[in-house]
């Protein structure tokens, strides 16, 4: 009975709301504690108004929990829907493609994310090229220009500007030819006769460049589609000229620098 007395004395110090909380969440307490709380609550002989007032904080607490739960579910659904949308977009056998507006937003977001990733990953190299602008202008400009073009192209593409389509097409064509060039160079590469030299200058795997090529050519295919070109007021002939000329000039530049 000592335990019962300890519960009784303690529960006398609790507010009406705290006692109600115990009674409404009995699964969280010992049966003896629940019984003692019930006895204490009944002994106070509260009126309906007092009971109603005691319940208000509990109701508010429950509403807050429900609100937080709904907010969490909403975020989870957004993440889930975004994942499903992205999976559906890149699925080549999907029966229905996303609408034009969603594709434009997805492409813009993807290329801006690529820029951020590249900028963070190569920050030290970028800083070095900026410092060498006066000493090695051609080398620095050739490295920094594509990096600078990516976010500008993504932003203007998102804004449905004609220049956004042109800049993105040039950037993607340049990157695709570059990835193809690196893949061919890798496949034709022969190990050096000097042991350990390969470990000092490791090369990326062919899968890296293949994935890049698939992604970049996929982008060109999407932005070349009529429904996308119509938004940017780019006709088929102009689109072909921009993409082919960009690819040709990139190839010529690489041949000259090799």
C-alpha atoms as a PDB file:
ATOM      1  CA  UNK A   1       0.000   0.000   0.000  1.00  0.00           C
ATOM      2  CA  UNK A   2       3.037   2.282   0.339  1.00  0.00           C
ATOM      3  CA  UNK A   3       3.201   2.506  -3.435  1.00  0.00           C
ATOM      4  CA  UNK A   4      -0.486   3.494  -3.598  1.00  0.00           C
ATOM      5  CA  UNK A   5       0.065   6.242  -0.994  1.00  0.00           C
ATOM      6  CA  UNK A   6       3.059   7.586  -2.934  1.00  0.00           C
ATOM      7  CA  UNK A   7       0.940   7.765  -6.098  1.00  0.00           C
ATOM      8  CA  UNK A   8      -1.908   9.400  -4.212  1.00  0.00           C
ATOM      9  CA  UNK A   9       0.232  12.107  -2.669  1.00  0.00           C
ATOM     10  CA  UNK A  10       1.939  12.873  -5.949  1.00  0.00           C
ATOM     11  CA  UNK A  11      -1.280  12.979  -8.004  1.00  0.00           C
ATOM     12  CA  UNK A  12      -2.781  15.496  -5.579  1.00  0.00           C
ATOM     13  CA  UNK A  13      -0.172  17.970  -6.884  1.00  0.00           C
ATOM     14  CA  UNK A  14      -1.146  17.449 -10.546  1.00  0.00           C
ATOM     15  CA  UNK A  15      -3.467  19.768 -12.408  1.00  0.00           C
ATOM     16  CA  UNK A  16      -6.823  18.629 -13.745  1.00  0.00           C
ATOM     17  CA  UNK A  17      -5.356  18.632 -17.269  1.00  0.00           C
ATOM     18  CA  UNK A  18      -2.417  16.438 -16.245  1.00  0.00           C
ATOM     19  CA  UNK A  19      -4.758  13.910 -14.624  1.00  0.00           C
ATOM     20  CA  UNK A  20      -6.933  13.828 -17.747  1.00  0.00           C
ATOM     21  CA  UNK A  21      -3.831  13.268 -19.834  1.00  0.00           C
ATOM     22  CA  UNK A  22      -3.012  10.163 -17.782  1.00  0.00           C
ATOM     23  CA  UNK A  23      -6.587   8.864 -18.083  1.00  0.00           C
ATOM     24  CA  UNK A  24      -6.666   9.419 -21.862  1.00  0.00           C
ATOM     25  CA  UNK A  25      -3.283   7.717 -22.374  1.00  0.00           C
ATOM     26  CA  UNK A  26      -3.632   4.800 -20.002  1.00  0.00           C
ATOM     27  CA  UNK A  27      -1.479   2.520 -22.158  1.00  0.00           C
ATOM     28  CA  UNK A  28       1.557   4.599 -21.164  1.00  0.00           C
ATOM     29  CA  UNK A  29       1.103   4.053 -17.415  1.00  0.00           C
ATOM     30  CA  UNK A  30       0.939   1.244 -14.868  1.00  0.00           C
ATOM     31  CA  UNK A  31      -2.550   0.021 -13.999  1.00  0.00           C
ATOM     32  CA  UNK A  32      -2.066   1.083 -10.366  1.00  0.00           C
ATOM     33  CA  UNK A  33      -1.091   4.609 -11.481  1.00  0.00           C
ATOM     34  CA  UNK A  34      -4.150   4.840 -13.728  1.00  0.00           C
ATOM     35  CA  UNK A  35      -6.467   3.672 -10.961  1.00  0.00           C
ATOM     36  CA  UNK A  36      -4.987   6.199  -8.528  1.00  0.00           C
ATOM     37  CA  UNK A  37      -5.341   9.021 -11.100  1.00  0.00           C
ATOM     38  CA  UNK A  38      -8.977   8.045 -11.673  1.00  0.00           C
ATOM     39  CA  UNK A  39      -9.699   8.115  -7.935  1.00  0.00           C
ATOM     40  CA  UNK A  40      -8.011  11.496  -7.534  1.00  0.00           C
ATOM     41  CA  UNK A  41      -9.878  12.965 -10.514  1.00  0.00           C
ATOM     42  CA  UNK A  42     -13.270  11.707  -9.231  1.00  0.00           C
ATOM     43  CA  UNK A  43     -12.544  13.005  -5.746  1.00  0.00           C
ATOM     44  CA  UNK A  44     -12.228  16.563  -7.073  1.00  0.00           C
ATOM     45  CA  UNK A  45     -15.916  16.484  -8.155  1.00  0.00           C
ATOM     46  CA  UNK A  46     -15.333  18.825 -11.105  1.00  0.00           C
ATOM     47  CA  UNK A  47     -18.224  20.472 -12.906  1.00  0.00           C
ATOM     48  CA  UNK A  48     -18.778  20.055 -16.665  1.00  0.00           C
ATOM     49  CA  UNK A  49     -17.331  23.523 -17.237  1.00  0.00           C
ATOM     50  CA  UNK A  50     -14.174  22.697 -15.231  1.00  0.00           C
ATOM     51  CA  UNK A  51     -13.732  19.422 -17.101  1.00  0.00           C
ATOM     52  CA  UNK A  52     -14.199  21.242 -20.394  1.00  0.00           C
ATOM     53  CA  UNK A  53     -11.559  23.816 -19.419  1.00  0.00           C
ATOM     54  CA  UNK A  54      -9.165  21.041 -18.378  1.00  0.00           C
ATOM     55  CA  UNK A  55      -9.599  19.320 -21.760  1.00  0.00           C
ATOM     56  CA  UNK A  56      -8.765  22.435 -23.823  1.00  0.00           C
ATOM     57  CA  UNK A  57      -4.924  22.146 -23.551  1.00  0.00           C
ATOM     58  CA  UNK A  58      -5.145  18.443 -24.431  1.00  0.00           C
ATOM     59  CA  UNK A  59      -7.294  19.182 -27.467  1.00  0.00           C
ATOM     60  CA  UNK A  60      -4.870  21.904 -28.551  1.00  0.00           C
ATOM     61  CA  UNK A  61      -1.950  19.515 -28.064  1.00  0.00           C
ATOM     62  CA  UNK A  62      -3.710  16.860 -30.147  1.00  0.00           C
ATOM     63  CA  UNK A  63      -4.445  19.394 -32.900  1.00  0.00           C
ATOM     64  CA  UNK A  64      -0.781  20.427 -32.983  1.00  0.00           C
ATOM     65  CA  UNK A  65       0.306  16.793 -33.235  1.00  0.00           C
ATOM     66  CA  UNK A  66      -2.168  16.205 -36.058  1.00  0.00           C
ATOM     67  CA  UNK A  67      -1.019  19.355 -37.840  1.00  0.00           C
ATOM     68  CA  UNK A  68       2.620  18.259 -37.580  1.00  0.00           C
ATOM     69  CA  UNK A  69       1.696  14.782 -38.771  1.00  0.00           C
ATOM     70  CA  UNK A  70      -0.143  16.227 -41.783  1.00  0.00           C
ATOM     71  CA  UNK A  71       2.814  18.473 -42.577  1.00  0.00           C
ATOM     72  CA  UNK A  72       5.198  15.502 -42.437  1.00  0.00           C
ATOM     73  CA  UNK A  73       2.918  13.449 -44.677  1.00  0.00           C
ATOM     74  CA  UNK A  74       2.659  16.348 -47.138  1.00  0.00           C
ATOM     75  CA  UNK A  75       6.464  16.571 -47.375  1.00  0.00           C
ATOM     76  CA  UNK A  76       6.735  12.798 -47.793  1.00  0.00           C
ATOM     77  CA  UNK A  77       4.115  12.891 -50.558  1.00  0.00           C
ATOM     78  CA  UNK A  78       5.935  15.713 -52.343  1.00  0.00           C
ATOM     79  CA  UNK A  79       9.201  13.775 -52.248  1.00  0.00           C
ATOM     80  CA  UNK A  80       7.430  10.622 -53.397  1.00  0.00           C
ATOM     81  CA  UNK A  81       5.617  12.437 -56.214  1.00  0.00           C
ATOM     82  CA  UNK A  82       8.841  14.132 -57.327  1.00  0.00           C
ATOM     83  CA  UNK A  83      10.592  10.763 -57.428  1.00  0.00           C
ATOM     84  CA  UNK A  84       7.744   9.190 -59.377  1.00  0.00           C
ATOM     85  CA  UNK A  85       7.666  12.126 -61.786  1.00  0.00           C
ATOM     86  CA  UNK A  86      11.411  11.912 -62.414  1.00  0.00           C
ATOM     87  CA  UNK A  87      11.208   8.136 -62.922  1.00  0.00           C
ATOM     88  CA  UNK A  88       8.301   8.536 -65.335  1.00  0.00           C
ATOM     89  CA  UNK A  89      10.128  11.260 -67.227  1.00  0.00           C
ATOM     90  CA  UNK A  90      13.245   9.220 -67.932  1.00  0.00           C
ATOM     91  CA  UNK A  91      11.304   6.005 -68.576  1.00  0.00           C
ATOM     92  CA  UNK A  92      11.611   5.436 -72.369  1.00  0.00           C
ATOM     93  CA  UNK A  93       8.601   3.106 -72.546  1.00  0.00           C
ATOM     94  CA  UNK A  94       6.213   5.196 -70.486  1.00  0.00           C
ATOM     95  CA  UNK A  95       2.893   5.577 -72.261  1.00  0.00           C
ATOM     96  CA  UNK A  96       2.346   9.249 -71.451  1.00  0.00           C
ATOM     97  CA  UNK A  97       4.990  11.969 -71.204  1.00  0.00           C
ATOM     98  CA  UNK A  98       4.832  14.797 -68.658  1.00  0.00           C
ATOM     99  CA  UNK A  99       3.467  18.081 -69.949  1.00  0.00           C
ATOM    100  CA  UNK A 100       5.698  20.713 -71.502  1.00  0.00           C
ATOM    101  CA  UNK A 101       5.783  22.986 -68.476  1.00  0.00           C
ATOM    102  CA  UNK A 102       6.947  20.204 -66.149  1.00  0.00           C
ATOM    103  CA  UNK A 103       9.664  19.128 -68.590  1.00  0.00           C
ATOM    104  CA  UNK A 104      11.025  22.661 -68.831  1.00  0.00           C
ATOM    105  CA  UNK A 105      11.137  22.984 -65.053  1.00  0.00           C
ATOM    106  CA  UNK A 106      12.742  19.561 -64.635  1.00  0.00           C
ATOM    107  CA  UNK A 107      15.477  20.261 -67.197  1.00  0.00           C
ATOM    108  CA  UNK A 108      16.188  23.697 -65.681  1.00  0.00           C
ATOM    109  CA  UNK A 109      16.428  22.238 -62.184  1.00  0.00           C
ATOM    110  CA  UNK A 110      18.634  19.344 -63.341  1.00  0.00           C
ATOM    111  CA  UNK A 111      21.213  21.572 -65.028  1.00  0.00           C
ATOM    112  CA  UNK A 112      21.282  24.080 -62.204  1.00  0.00           C
ATOM    113  CA  UNK A 113      21.846  21.181 -59.770  1.00  0.00           C
ATOM    114  CA  UNK A 114      24.672  19.889 -61.993  1.00  0.00           C
ATOM    115  CA  UNK A 115      26.274  23.340 -61.925  1.00  0.00           C
ATOM    116  CA  UNK A 116      26.085  23.495 -58.104  1.00  0.00           C
ATOM    117  CA  UNK A 117      27.540  20.003 -57.751  1.00  0.00           C
ATOM    118  CA  UNK A 118      30.388  20.798 -60.165  1.00  0.00           C
ATOM    119  CA  UNK A 119      31.073  24.129 -58.503  1.00  0.00           C
ATOM    120  CA  UNK A 120      31.297  22.627 -55.010  1.00  0.00           C
ATOM    121  CA  UNK A 121      33.301  19.586 -56.141  1.00  0.00           C
ATOM    122  CA  UNK A 122      35.855  21.572 -58.172  1.00  0.00           C
ATOM    123  CA  UNK A 123      35.903  24.768 -56.117  1.00  0.00           C
ATOM    124  CA  UNK A 124      39.676  24.720 -55.604  1.00  0.00           C
ATOM    125  CA  UNK A 125      40.326  24.141 -59.320  1.00  0.00           C
ATOM    126  CA  UNK A 126      37.902  26.935 -60.251  1.00  0.00           C
ATOM    127  CA  UNK A 127      39.644  29.339 -57.870  1.00  0.00           C
ATOM    128  CA  UNK A 128      42.974  28.348 -59.405  1.00  0.00           C
ATOM    129  CA  UNK A 129      41.776  29.000 -62.965  1.00  0.00           C
ATOM    130  CA  UNK A 130      40.403  32.406 -61.914  1.00  0.00           C
ATOM    131  CA  UNK A 131      43.803  33.318 -60.439  1.00  0.00           C
ATOM    132  CA  UNK A 132      45.516  32.191 -63.673  1.00  0.00           C
ATOM    133  CA  UNK A 133      43.265  34.285 -65.948  1.00  0.00           C
ATOM    134  CA  UNK A 134      46.031  36.800 -66.635  1.00  0.00           C
ATOM    135  CA  UNK A 135      48.815  34.206 -66.929  1.00  0.00           C
ATOM    136  CA  UNK A 136      46.935  31.578 -68.973  1.00  0.00           C
ATOM    137  CA  UNK A 137      43.867  33.342 -70.409  1.00  0.00           C
ATOM    138  CA  UNK A 138      42.983  30.805 -73.118  1.00  0.00           C
ATOM    139  CA  UNK A 139      43.194  27.798 -70.784  1.00  0.00           C
ATOM    140  CA  UNK A 140      41.283  29.522 -67.988  1.00  0.00           C
ATOM    141  CA  UNK A 141      38.539  30.857 -70.274  1.00  0.00           C
ATOM    142  CA  UNK A 142      38.045  27.462 -71.951  1.00  0.00           C
ATOM    143  CA  UNK A 143      37.551  25.872 -68.519  1.00  0.00           C
ATOM    144  CA  UNK A 144      35.472  28.593 -66.854  1.00  0.00           C
ATOM    145  CA  UNK A 145      33.161  29.537 -69.739  1.00  0.00           C
ATOM    146  CA  UNK A 146      31.106  26.284 -69.863  1.00  0.00           C
ATOM    147  CA  UNK A 147      30.774  26.378 -66.075  1.00  0.00           C
ATOM    148  CA  UNK A 148      29.479  29.946 -66.181  1.00  0.00           C
ATOM    149  CA  UNK A 149      27.109  29.245 -69.083  1.00  0.00           C
ATOM    150  CA  UNK A 150      25.316  26.356 -67.328  1.00  0.00           C
ATOM    151  CA  UNK A 151      23.416  28.341 -64.629  1.00  0.00           C
ATOM    152  CA  UNK A 152      22.678  31.234 -67.017  1.00  0.00           C
ATOM    153  CA  UNK A 153      21.298  28.804 -69.599  1.00  0.00           C
ATOM    154  CA  UNK A 154      19.252  26.955 -66.962  1.00  0.00           C
ATOM    155  CA  UNK A 155      17.771  30.217 -65.632  1.00  0.00           C
ATOM    156  CA  UNK A 156      16.827  31.569 -69.063  1.00  0.00           C
ATOM    157  CA  UNK A 157      15.460  28.173 -70.099  1.00  0.00           C
ATOM    158  CA  UNK A 158      13.279  28.201 -66.965  1.00  0.00           C
ATOM    159  CA  UNK A 159      12.088  31.709 -67.909  1.00  0.00           C
ATOM    160  CA  UNK A 160      11.066  30.414 -71.387  1.00  0.00           C
ATOM    161  CA  UNK A 161      13.473  32.803 -73.116  1.00  0.00           C
ATOM    162  CA  UNK A 162      14.592  32.011 -76.667  1.00  0.00           C
ATOM    163  CA  UNK A 163      18.189  32.650 -75.641  1.00  0.00           C
ATOM    164  CA  UNK A 164      17.708  30.073 -72.872  1.00  0.00           C
ATOM    165  CA  UNK A 165      16.994  27.329 -75.417  1.00  0.00           C
ATOM    166  CA  UNK A 166      19.924  28.439 -77.593  1.00  0.00           C
ATOM    167  CA  UNK A 167      22.382  28.621 -74.689  1.00  0.00           C
ATOM    168  CA  UNK A 168      21.277  25.264 -73.299  1.00  0.00           C
ATOM    169  CA  UNK A 169      21.492  23.617 -76.734  1.00  0.00           C
ATOM    170  CA  UNK A 170      25.024  24.980 -77.223  1.00  0.00           C
ATOM    171  CA  UNK A 171      26.090  23.920 -73.733  1.00  0.00           C
ATOM    172  CA  UNK A 172      24.634  20.405 -74.058  1.00  0.00           C
ATOM    173  CA  UNK A 173      26.083  19.930 -77.557  1.00  0.00           C
ATOM    174  CA  UNK A 174      29.501  21.094 -76.347  1.00  0.00           C
ATOM    175  CA  UNK A 175      29.324  18.766 -73.333  1.00  0.00           C
ATOM    176  CA  UNK A 176      28.114  15.804 -75.402  1.00  0.00           C
ATOM    177  CA  UNK A 177      30.948  16.123 -77.927  1.00  0.00           C
ATOM    178  CA  UNK A 178      33.394  16.521 -75.052  1.00  0.00           C
ATOM    179  CA  UNK A 179      32.099  13.365 -73.351  1.00  0.00           C
ATOM    180  CA  UNK A 180      32.282  11.459 -76.648  1.00  0.00           C
ATOM    181  CA  UNK A 181      35.836  12.688 -77.213  1.00  0.00           C
ATOM    182  CA  UNK A 182      36.896  11.564 -73.722  1.00  0.00           C
ATOM    183  CA  UNK A 183      35.241   8.170 -74.223  1.00  0.00           C
ATOM    184  CA  UNK A 184      37.056   7.584 -77.524  1.00  0.00           C
ATOM    185  CA  UNK A 185      40.320   8.730 -75.934  1.00  0.00           C
ATOM    186  CA  UNK A 186      39.785   6.332 -73.036  1.00  0.00           C
ATOM    187  CA  UNK A 187      38.980   3.376 -75.281  1.00  0.00           C
ATOM    188  CA  UNK A 188      42.059   4.004 -77.433  1.00  0.00           C
ATOM    189  CA  UNK A 189      44.330   4.594 -74.433  1.00  0.00           C
ATOM    190  CA  UNK A 190      47.210   2.208 -73.820  1.00  0.00           C
ATOM    191  CA  UNK A 191      48.917   1.753 -70.431  1.00  0.00           C
ATOM    192  CA  UNK A 192      52.259   3.482 -69.967  1.00  0.00           C
ATOM    193  CA  UNK A 193      55.418   1.400 -69.804  1.00  0.00           C
ATOM    194  CA  UNK A 194      56.324   3.192 -66.585  1.00  0.00           C
ATOM    195  CA  UNK A 195      54.884   1.327 -63.610  1.00  0.00           C
ATOM    196  CA  UNK A 196      52.854   3.402 -61.190  1.00  0.00           C
ATOM    197  CA  UNK A 197      52.225   6.258 -63.651  1.00  0.00           C
ATOM    198  CA  UNK A 198      48.612   5.198 -64.116  1.00  0.00           C
ATOM    199  CA  UNK A 199      48.060   5.386 -60.347  1.00  0.00           C
ATOM    200  CA  UNK A 200      49.319   8.975 -60.309  1.00  0.00           C
ATOM    201  CA  UNK A 201      46.960  10.033 -63.130  1.00  0.00           C
ATOM    202  CA  UNK A 202      43.909   7.741 -62.921  1.00  0.00           C
ATOM    203  CA  UNK A 203      41.313   7.896 -65.689  1.00  0.00           C
ATOM    204  CA  UNK A 204      37.555   7.818 -65.274  1.00  0.00           C
ATOM    205  CA  UNK A 205      35.733   4.634 -66.252  1.00  0.00           C
ATOM    206  CA  UNK A 206      34.038   4.330 -69.636  1.00  0.00           C
ATOM    207  CA  UNK A 207      30.683   3.944 -67.830  1.00  0.00           C
ATOM    208  CA  UNK A 208      31.009   7.530 -66.547  1.00  0.00           C
ATOM    209  CA  UNK A 209      31.222   8.949 -70.067  1.00  0.00           C
ATOM    210  CA  UNK A 210      28.518   6.628 -71.395  1.00  0.00           C
ATOM    211  CA  UNK A 211      26.106   7.794 -68.683  1.00  0.00           C
ATOM    212  CA  UNK A 212      26.971  11.418 -69.490  1.00  0.00           C
ATOM    213  CA  UNK A 213      26.362  10.806 -73.198  1.00  0.00           C
ATOM    214  CA  UNK A 214      22.986   9.169 -72.557  1.00  0.00           C
ATOM    215  CA  UNK A 215      21.908  12.039 -70.307  1.00  0.00           C
ATOM    216  CA  UNK A 216      23.123  14.765 -72.669  1.00  0.00           C
ATOM    217  CA  UNK A 217      21.723  13.227 -75.855  1.00  0.00           C
ATOM    218  CA  UNK A 218      18.471  12.609 -73.987  1.00  0.00           C
ATOM    219  CA  UNK A 219      18.349  16.308 -73.142  1.00  0.00           C
ATOM    220  CA  UNK A 220      18.917  17.261 -76.785  1.00  0.00           C
ATOM    221  CA  UNK A 221      16.161  14.881 -77.849  1.00  0.00           C
ATOM    222  CA  UNK A 222      13.701  16.414 -75.379  1.00  0.00           C
ATOM    223  CA  UNK A 223      14.448  20.081 -76.142  1.00  0.00           C
ATOM    224  CA  UNK A 224      14.331  19.326 -79.879  1.00  0.00           C
ATOM    225  CA  UNK A 225      10.747  18.083 -79.603  1.00  0.00           C
ATOM    226  CA  UNK A 226       8.208  20.340 -81.270  1.00  0.00           C
ATOM    227  CA  UNK A 227       6.185  21.120 -78.130  1.00  0.00           C
ATOM    228  CA  UNK A 228       9.338  22.392 -76.393  1.00  0.00           C
ATOM    229  CA  UNK A 229      10.606  24.371 -79.397  1.00  0.00           C
ATOM    230  CA  UNK A 230       7.240  26.088 -79.793  1.00  0.00           C
ATOM    231  CA  UNK A 231       7.529  27.568 -76.294  1.00  0.00           C
ATOM    232  CA  UNK A 232      10.911  29.093 -77.196  1.00  0.00           C
ATOM    233  CA  UNK A 233       9.921  30.073 -80.765  1.00  0.00           C
ATOM    234  CA  UNK A 234      12.671  27.925 -82.318  1.00  0.00           C
ATOM    235  CA  UNK A 235      11.858  26.279 -85.654  1.00  0.00           C
ATOM    236  CA  UNK A 236      13.260  22.915 -86.679  1.00  0.00           C
ATOM    237  CA  UNK A 237      15.830  24.285 -89.146  1.00  0.00           C
ATOM    238  CA  UNK A 238      17.221  26.768 -86.637  1.00  0.00           C
ATOM    239  CA  UNK A 239      17.401  24.091 -83.920  1.00  0.00           C
ATOM    240  CA  UNK A 240      19.302  21.713 -86.218  1.00  0.00           C
ATOM    241  CA  UNK A 241      21.699  24.491 -87.238  1.00  0.00           C
ATOM    242  CA  UNK A 242      22.441  25.484 -83.608  1.00  0.00           C
ATOM    243  CA  UNK A 243      23.034  21.907 -82.435  1.00  0.00           C
ATOM    244  CA  UNK A 244      25.092  20.780 -85.442  1.00  0.00           C
ATOM    245  CA  UNK A 245      27.175  23.979 -85.555  1.00  0.00           C
ATOM    246  CA  UNK A 246      27.868  23.786 -81.814  1.00  0.00           C
ATOM    247  CA  UNK A 247      28.961  20.172 -82.133  1.00  0.00           C
ATOM    248  CA  UNK A 248      31.148  20.882 -85.169  1.00  0.00           C
ATOM    249  CA  UNK A 249      32.899  23.864 -83.578  1.00  0.00           C
ATOM    250  CA  UNK A 250      33.500  21.903 -80.361  1.00  0.00           C
ATOM    251  CA  UNK A 251      35.018  19.037 -82.338  1.00  0.00           C
ATOM    252  CA  UNK A 252      37.219  21.444 -84.306  1.00  0.00           C
ATOM    253  CA  UNK A 253      38.386  23.094 -81.090  1.00  0.00           C
ATOM    254  CA  UNK A 254      39.308  19.745 -79.586  1.00  0.00           C
ATOM    255  CA  UNK A 255      41.179  18.669 -82.708  1.00  0.00           C
ATOM    256  CA  UNK A 256      43.167  21.903 -82.661  1.00  0.00           C
ATOM    257  CA  UNK A 257      44.025  21.563 -78.970  1.00  0.00           C
ATOM    258  CA  UNK A 258      44.977  17.873 -79.144  1.00  0.00           C
END
